[in-house]
Amino acid sequence: MRLTDFWQRMADHFGAAYADSFARDYVMSELGGRTVHEALDAGWSAKEVWRVVCAVMDVPYERR
């Protein structure tokens, strides 16, 4: 998954205004105690991070 696809999915699910805020502020233990931005910066793939976001935030299957 490309980062542009990842960010589009984040915006589609959370809304354009909230997606970046969520990605900067919400720490997830499933990402090693990191935020989305921190996990991506640490080398996690966009696909891995999206899977975690989907699981943690109960994203509907059809949006995954």
N, C-alpha and C. Protein backbone atom coordinates (compact mmCIF):
# COMPACT_ATOMS: atom_id res chain seq x y z
N MET A 1 0.85 -1.18 0.00
CA MET A 1 0.00 0.00 0.00
C MET A 1 0.90 1.24 0.00
N ARG A 2 0.59 2.16 -0.87
CA ARG A 2 1.34 3.41 -0.91
C ARG A 2 0.84 4.34 0.19
N LEU A 3 1.71 5.25 0.62
CA LEU A 3 1.32 6.21 1.66
C LEU A 3 0.14 7.06 1.23
N THR A 4 0.07 7.41 -0.04
CA THR A 4 -1.06 8.22 -0.50
C THR A 4 -2.38 7.46 -0.33
N ASP A 5 -2.36 6.16 -0.59
CA ASP A 5 -3.55 5.33 -0.38
C ASP A 5 -3.89 5.26 1.11
N PHE A 6 -2.87 5.07 1.92
CA PHE A 6 -3.07 5.01 3.37
C PHE A 6 -3.75 6.28 3.88
N TRP A 7 -3.20 7.44 3.50
CA TRP A 7 -3.77 8.70 4.00
C TRP A 7 -5.16 8.95 3.45
N GLN A 8 -5.44 8.49 2.24
CA GLN A 8 -6.79 8.63 1.71
C GLN A 8 -7.78 7.77 2.51
N ARG A 9 -7.36 6.56 2.85
CA ARG A 9 -8.23 5.69 3.67
C ARG A 9 -8.45 6.29 5.05
N MET A 10 -7.41 6.87 5.63
CA MET A 10 -7.54 7.53 6.94
C MET A 10 -8.56 8.67 6.83
N ALA A 11 -8.44 9.49 5.79
CA ALA A 11 -9.36 10.62 5.61
C ALA A 11 -10.78 10.14 5.35
N ASP A 12 -10.92 9.07 4.58
CA ASP A 12 -12.25 8.53 4.29
C ASP A 12 -12.92 8.02 5.56
N HIS A 13 -12.14 7.40 6.44
CA HIS A 13 -12.74 6.84 7.65
C HIS A 13 -12.94 7.88 8.75
N PHE A 14 -11.92 8.69 9.02
CA PHE A 14 -11.96 9.62 10.15
C PHE A 14 -12.40 11.02 9.77
N GLY A 15 -12.41 11.33 8.49
CA GLY A 15 -12.66 12.69 8.04
C GLY A 15 -11.32 13.38 7.85
N ALA A 16 -11.26 14.25 6.86
CA ALA A 16 -9.99 14.90 6.51
C ALA A 16 -9.40 15.68 7.68
N ALA A 17 -10.22 16.36 8.44
CA ALA A 17 -9.73 17.20 9.53
C ALA A 17 -9.22 16.37 10.71
N TYR A 18 -9.85 15.24 10.99
CA TYR A 18 -9.51 14.47 12.18
C TYR A 18 -8.42 13.42 11.92
N ALA A 19 -8.25 12.98 10.69
CA ALA A 19 -7.31 11.90 10.39
C ALA A 19 -5.90 12.22 10.85
N ASP A 20 -5.40 13.41 10.54
CA ASP A 20 -4.04 13.77 10.93
C ASP A 20 -3.93 13.92 12.44
N SER A 21 -4.93 14.50 13.06
CA SER A 21 -4.93 14.65 14.51
C SER A 21 -4.88 13.29 15.20
N PHE A 22 -5.70 12.37 14.73
CA PHE A 22 -5.70 11.01 15.26
C PHE A 22 -4.32 10.38 15.09
N ALA A 23 -3.75 10.54 13.90
CA ALA A 23 -2.45 9.93 13.58
C ALA A 23 -1.32 10.50 14.43
N ARG A 24 -1.45 11.72 14.87
CA ARG A 24 -0.41 12.35 15.70
C ARG A 24 -0.59 12.09 17.19
N ASP A 25 -1.83 11.90 17.63
CA ASP A 25 -2.11 11.89 19.06
C ASP A 25 -2.47 10.54 19.67
N TYR A 26 -3.02 9.63 18.90
CA TYR A 26 -3.53 8.37 19.45
C TYR A 26 -2.43 7.32 19.49
N VAL A 27 -2.01 6.97 20.69
CA VAL A 27 -0.95 5.97 20.89
C VAL A 27 -1.59 4.59 20.97
N MET A 28 -1.04 3.64 20.21
CA MET A 28 -1.58 2.29 20.19
C MET A 28 -0.52 1.29 20.63
N SER A 29 -0.87 0.47 21.59
CA SER A 29 0.07 -0.55 22.06
C SER A 29 0.41 -1.52 20.94
N GLU A 30 -0.52 -1.74 20.03
CA GLU A 30 -0.30 -2.65 18.90
C GLU A 30 0.77 -2.13 17.94
N LEU A 31 1.08 -0.86 18.05
CA LEU A 31 2.16 -0.25 17.25
C LEU A 31 3.41 -0.05 18.10
N GLY A 32 3.49 -0.80 19.18
CA GLY A 32 4.66 -0.69 20.05
C GLY A 32 4.65 0.58 20.89
N GLY A 33 3.44 1.04 21.24
CA GLY A 33 3.33 2.26 22.03
C GLY A 33 3.59 3.51 21.21
N ARG A 34 3.30 3.44 19.93
CA ARG A 34 3.54 4.56 19.02
C ARG A 34 2.23 5.10 18.45
N THR A 35 2.32 6.31 17.93
CA THR A 35 1.24 6.86 17.13
C THR A 35 1.42 6.37 15.69
N VAL A 36 0.46 6.66 14.86
CA VAL A 36 0.57 6.30 13.44
C VAL A 36 1.81 6.94 12.83
N HIS A 37 1.99 8.24 13.06
CA HIS A 37 3.15 8.94 12.50
C HIS A 37 4.46 8.33 12.99
N GLU A 38 4.52 8.03 14.27
CA GLU A 38 5.74 7.45 14.83
C GLU A 38 6.02 6.07 14.25
N ALA A 39 4.98 5.27 14.09
CA ALA A 39 5.16 3.93 13.52
C ALA A 39 5.66 4.02 12.08
N LEU A 40 5.07 4.90 11.30
CA LEU A 40 5.52 5.06 9.91
C LEU A 40 6.97 5.54 9.88
N ASP A 41 7.31 6.49 10.74
CA ASP A 41 8.68 7.00 10.81
C ASP A 41 9.67 5.93 11.26
N ALA A 42 9.18 4.97 12.07
CA ALA A 42 10.03 3.90 12.58
C ALA A 42 10.21 2.76 11.57
N GLY A 43 9.55 2.87 10.42
CA GLY A 43 9.74 1.86 9.39
C GLY A 43 8.60 0.89 9.19
N TRP A 44 7.54 1.02 9.96
CA TRP A 44 6.38 0.15 9.73
C TRP A 44 5.82 0.48 8.35
N SER A 45 5.34 -0.53 7.65
CA SER A 45 4.74 -0.28 6.35
C SER A 45 3.34 0.32 6.54
N ALA A 46 2.91 1.08 5.53
CA ALA A 46 1.58 1.68 5.59
C ALA A 46 0.50 0.59 5.71
N LYS A 47 0.72 -0.54 5.05
CA LYS A 47 -0.24 -1.64 5.11
C LYS A 47 -0.35 -2.20 6.54
N GLU A 48 0.80 -2.38 7.20
CA GLU A 48 0.79 -2.88 8.58
C GLU A 48 0.07 -1.90 9.51
N VAL A 49 0.37 -0.63 9.35
CA VAL A 49 -0.24 0.39 10.21
C VAL A 49 -1.75 0.44 9.95
N TRP A 50 -2.16 0.38 8.69
CA TRP A 50 -3.58 0.41 8.38
C TRP A 50 -4.30 -0.78 9.01
N ARG A 51 -3.69 -1.96 8.96
CA ARG A 51 -4.31 -3.14 9.59
C ARG A 51 -4.51 -2.93 11.08
N VAL A 52 -3.53 -2.33 11.75
CA VAL A 52 -3.65 -2.06 13.18
C VAL A 52 -4.76 -1.05 13.43
N VAL A 53 -4.78 0.04 12.66
CA VAL A 53 -5.83 1.05 12.82
C VAL A 53 -7.20 0.41 12.65
N CYS A 54 -7.34 -0.43 11.63
CA CYS A 54 -8.63 -1.10 11.39
C CYS A 54 -9.04 -1.96 12.58
N ALA A 55 -8.10 -2.71 13.12
CA ALA A 55 -8.41 -3.60 14.24
C ALA A 55 -8.75 -2.81 15.51
N VAL A 56 -7.97 -1.81 15.80
CA VAL A 56 -8.16 -1.03 17.04
C VAL A 56 -9.43 -0.18 16.99
N MET A 57 -9.69 0.40 15.83
CA MET A 57 -10.81 1.33 15.72
C MET A 57 -12.06 0.69 15.11
N ASP A 58 -12.07 -0.64 14.97
CA ASP A 58 -13.22 -1.36 14.43
C ASP A 58 -13.71 -0.78 13.10
N VAL A 59 -12.77 -0.57 12.19
CA VAL A 59 -13.13 -0.10 10.85
C VAL A 59 -13.93 -1.22 10.18
N PRO A 60 -15.08 -0.89 9.59
CA PRO A 60 -15.91 -1.91 8.93
C PRO A 60 -15.11 -2.64 7.85
N TYR A 61 -15.40 -3.90 7.70
CA TYR A 61 -14.67 -4.77 6.76
C TYR A 61 -14.63 -4.17 5.35
N GLU A 62 -15.74 -3.61 4.90
CA GLU A 62 -15.79 -3.09 3.53
C GLU A 62 -14.91 -1.86 3.32
N ARG A 63 -14.43 -1.25 4.38
CA ARG A 63 -13.52 -0.11 4.28
C ARG A 63 -12.06 -0.51 4.44
N ARG A 64 -11.82 -1.77 4.76
CA ARG A 64 -10.44 -2.21 5.00
C ARG A 64 -9.75 -2.44 3.74
